[in-house]
Each structure stands twice: as C-alpha cells, then as structure tokens.
Amino acid sequence: MEGSLLVTPEKLIETSSEFSTCMSQVQNLTSSMMEQVRSMSSFWEGEAATAYLNKFNELEDDIQRVHTMINEHVTDLNEMAAIYQKAEAKSQEISGALSGNVL
C-alpha cells in the first residue's frame, strides 16, 4: 500500500485535540493532588511526612515529563495533518492543470 494514506488529516487533528484534552485533565488532577499532599504538612510532620512529600514531588516530575511527551505528540499530529493537507492541495492543483481531452 505504498503511497496510500490510511488516516485523514481531520482524524489526526481530532486525535491531537483528544490528546490535548487528556493532557489538560492530567495536569489539573496532578495540581489538585499536589495541593492536597502539600496541605497535609499542616497536620503531619516528621520523617515519614517528608518522605511521603518527596515521593509525590518525584511523581510530579514524572508527570511533567509525560505532559511534555503528550504535548510533543499533539504537535507532531498537527504537523503531519498540515503536511498531508498541503500535499493533497498540491496534488489537486497539479491534477487540475492536466488536460482533460488527451485521447
């Protein structure tokens, strides 16, 4: 199937939008979770509390890396869609310039 697109640019854009929505949801949930964990310091002190907070800070860093990766996928999908749309427009332009009464 060389040269055949199995996905439309519109589907790529739709998928990138879904990724973007999920990315925002993850970011909001992470922020909420971190606020709750940090608020625990008002009533939980000591080594266990510090270790717990440190683990969540590491988790926040990991989630931030995931956020960056998702954002890269969103960008890549949108760029691919734009390339496909540009190629399709160029193809239509070229085919429109061909003479129709060759035979």
Protein backbone atom coordinates (compact mmCIF):
# COMPACT_ATOMS: atom_id res chain seq x y z
CA MET A 1 0.00 0.00 0.00
CA GLU A 2 2.82 2.36 -0.73
CA GLY A 3 1.60 5.91 -1.21
CA SER A 4 -1.81 5.34 0.38
CA LEU A 5 -2.94 7.29 3.41
CA LEU A 6 -4.83 5.20 5.91
CA VAL A 7 -5.76 8.21 8.02
CA THR A 8 -7.25 11.56 7.13
CA PRO A 9 -5.77 14.87 8.24
CA GLU A 10 -9.06 15.55 10.02
CA LYS A 11 -8.64 12.37 12.07
CA LEU A 12 -5.09 13.39 13.00
CA ILE A 13 -6.35 16.80 14.15
CA GLU A 14 -9.22 15.19 16.08
CA THR A 15 -6.80 12.81 17.79
CA SER A 16 -4.40 15.63 18.65
CA SER A 17 -7.31 17.51 20.22
CA GLU A 18 -8.21 14.45 22.30
CA PHE A 19 -4.59 14.14 23.44
CA SER A 20 -4.59 17.82 24.36
CA THR A 21 -7.78 17.42 26.39
CA CYS A 22 -6.33 14.43 28.24
CA MET A 23 -3.13 16.36 28.86
CA SER A 24 -5.10 19.20 30.48
CA GLN A 25 -7.07 16.76 32.62
CA VAL A 26 -3.89 15.06 33.84
CA GLN A 27 -2.35 18.44 34.62
CA ASN A 28 -5.42 19.56 36.58
CA LEU A 29 -5.59 16.30 38.53
CA THR A 30 -1.88 16.47 39.30
CA SER A 31 -2.20 20.04 40.58
CA SER A 32 -5.15 19.11 42.76
CA MET A 33 -3.38 16.05 44.13
CA MET A 34 -0.21 18.02 44.91
CA GLU A 35 -2.22 20.71 46.71
CA GLN A 36 -3.80 18.05 48.91
CA VAL A 37 -0.46 16.39 49.66
CA ARG A 38 1.20 19.71 50.49
CA SER A 39 -1.70 20.74 52.71
CA MET A 40 -1.05 17.64 54.82
CA SER A 41 2.10 19.32 56.15
CA SER A 42 -0.14 21.42 58.39
CA PHE A 43 -1.02 18.33 60.44
CA TRP A 44 1.62 15.71 59.56
CA GLU A 45 5.27 16.25 60.47
CA GLY A 46 8.36 14.12 60.75
CA GLU A 47 10.48 11.85 58.59
CA ALA A 48 7.54 9.86 57.24
CA ALA A 49 5.77 13.05 56.17
CA THR A 50 8.93 14.33 54.49
CA ALA A 51 9.49 11.02 52.69
CA TYR A 52 5.87 10.99 51.55
CA LEU A 53 6.09 14.54 50.21
CA ASN A 54 9.39 13.77 48.46
CA LYS A 55 7.84 10.77 46.71
CA PHE A 56 4.97 12.92 45.47
CA ASN A 57 7.40 15.58 44.27
CA GLU A 58 9.17 12.87 42.25
CA LEU A 59 5.81 11.77 40.90
CA GLU A 60 5.04 15.35 39.91
CA ASP A 61 8.34 15.48 37.98
CA ASP A 62 7.45 12.22 36.21
CA ILE A 63 4.01 13.51 35.31
CA GLN A 64 5.57 16.71 33.98
CA ARG A 65 7.74 14.59 31.67
CA VAL A 66 4.64 12.73 30.50
CA HIS A 67 2.95 16.10 29.91
CA THR A 68 5.88 17.16 27.73
CA MET A 69 5.71 13.92 25.75
CA ILE A 70 1.96 14.26 25.20
CA ASN A 71 2.45 17.84 24.06
CA GLU A 72 5.07 16.63 21.56
CA HIS A 73 2.56 14.11 20.20
CA VAL A 74 -0.06 16.85 19.83
CA THR A 75 2.42 18.97 17.88
CA ASP A 76 3.53 16.02 15.73
CA LEU A 77 -0.04 15.05 14.84
CA ASN A 78 -0.91 18.62 13.88
CA GLU A 79 2.25 18.93 11.78
CA MET A 80 1.52 15.64 9.99
CA ALA A 81 -2.03 16.78 9.28
CA ALA A 82 -0.74 20.05 7.82
CA ILE A 83 1.76 18.19 5.63
CA TYR A 84 -0.95 15.83 4.36
CA GLN A 85 -3.31 18.74 3.67
CA LYS A 86 -0.60 20.63 1.80
CA ALA A 87 0.30 17.54 -0.26
CA GLU A 88 -3.36 16.92 -1.10
CA ALA A 89 -3.86 20.54 -2.17
CA LYS A 90 -0.75 20.36 -4.35
CA SER A 91 -1.96 17.09 -5.87
CA GLN A 92 -5.33 18.63 -6.69
CA GLU A 93 -3.63 21.67 -8.17
CA ILE A 94 -1.46 19.50 -10.41
CA SER A 95 -4.32 17.24 -11.49
CA GLY A 96 -6.47 20.29 -12.24
CA ALA A 97 -3.80 21.60 -14.57
CA LEU A 98 -3.78 18.41 -16.66
CA SER A 99 -5.55 18.49 -19.97
CA GLY A 100 -8.79 16.51 -19.95
CA ASN A 101 -9.04 15.74 -23.66
CA VAL A 102 -5.80 13.85 -24.24
CA LEU A 103 -7.37 10.99 -26.21
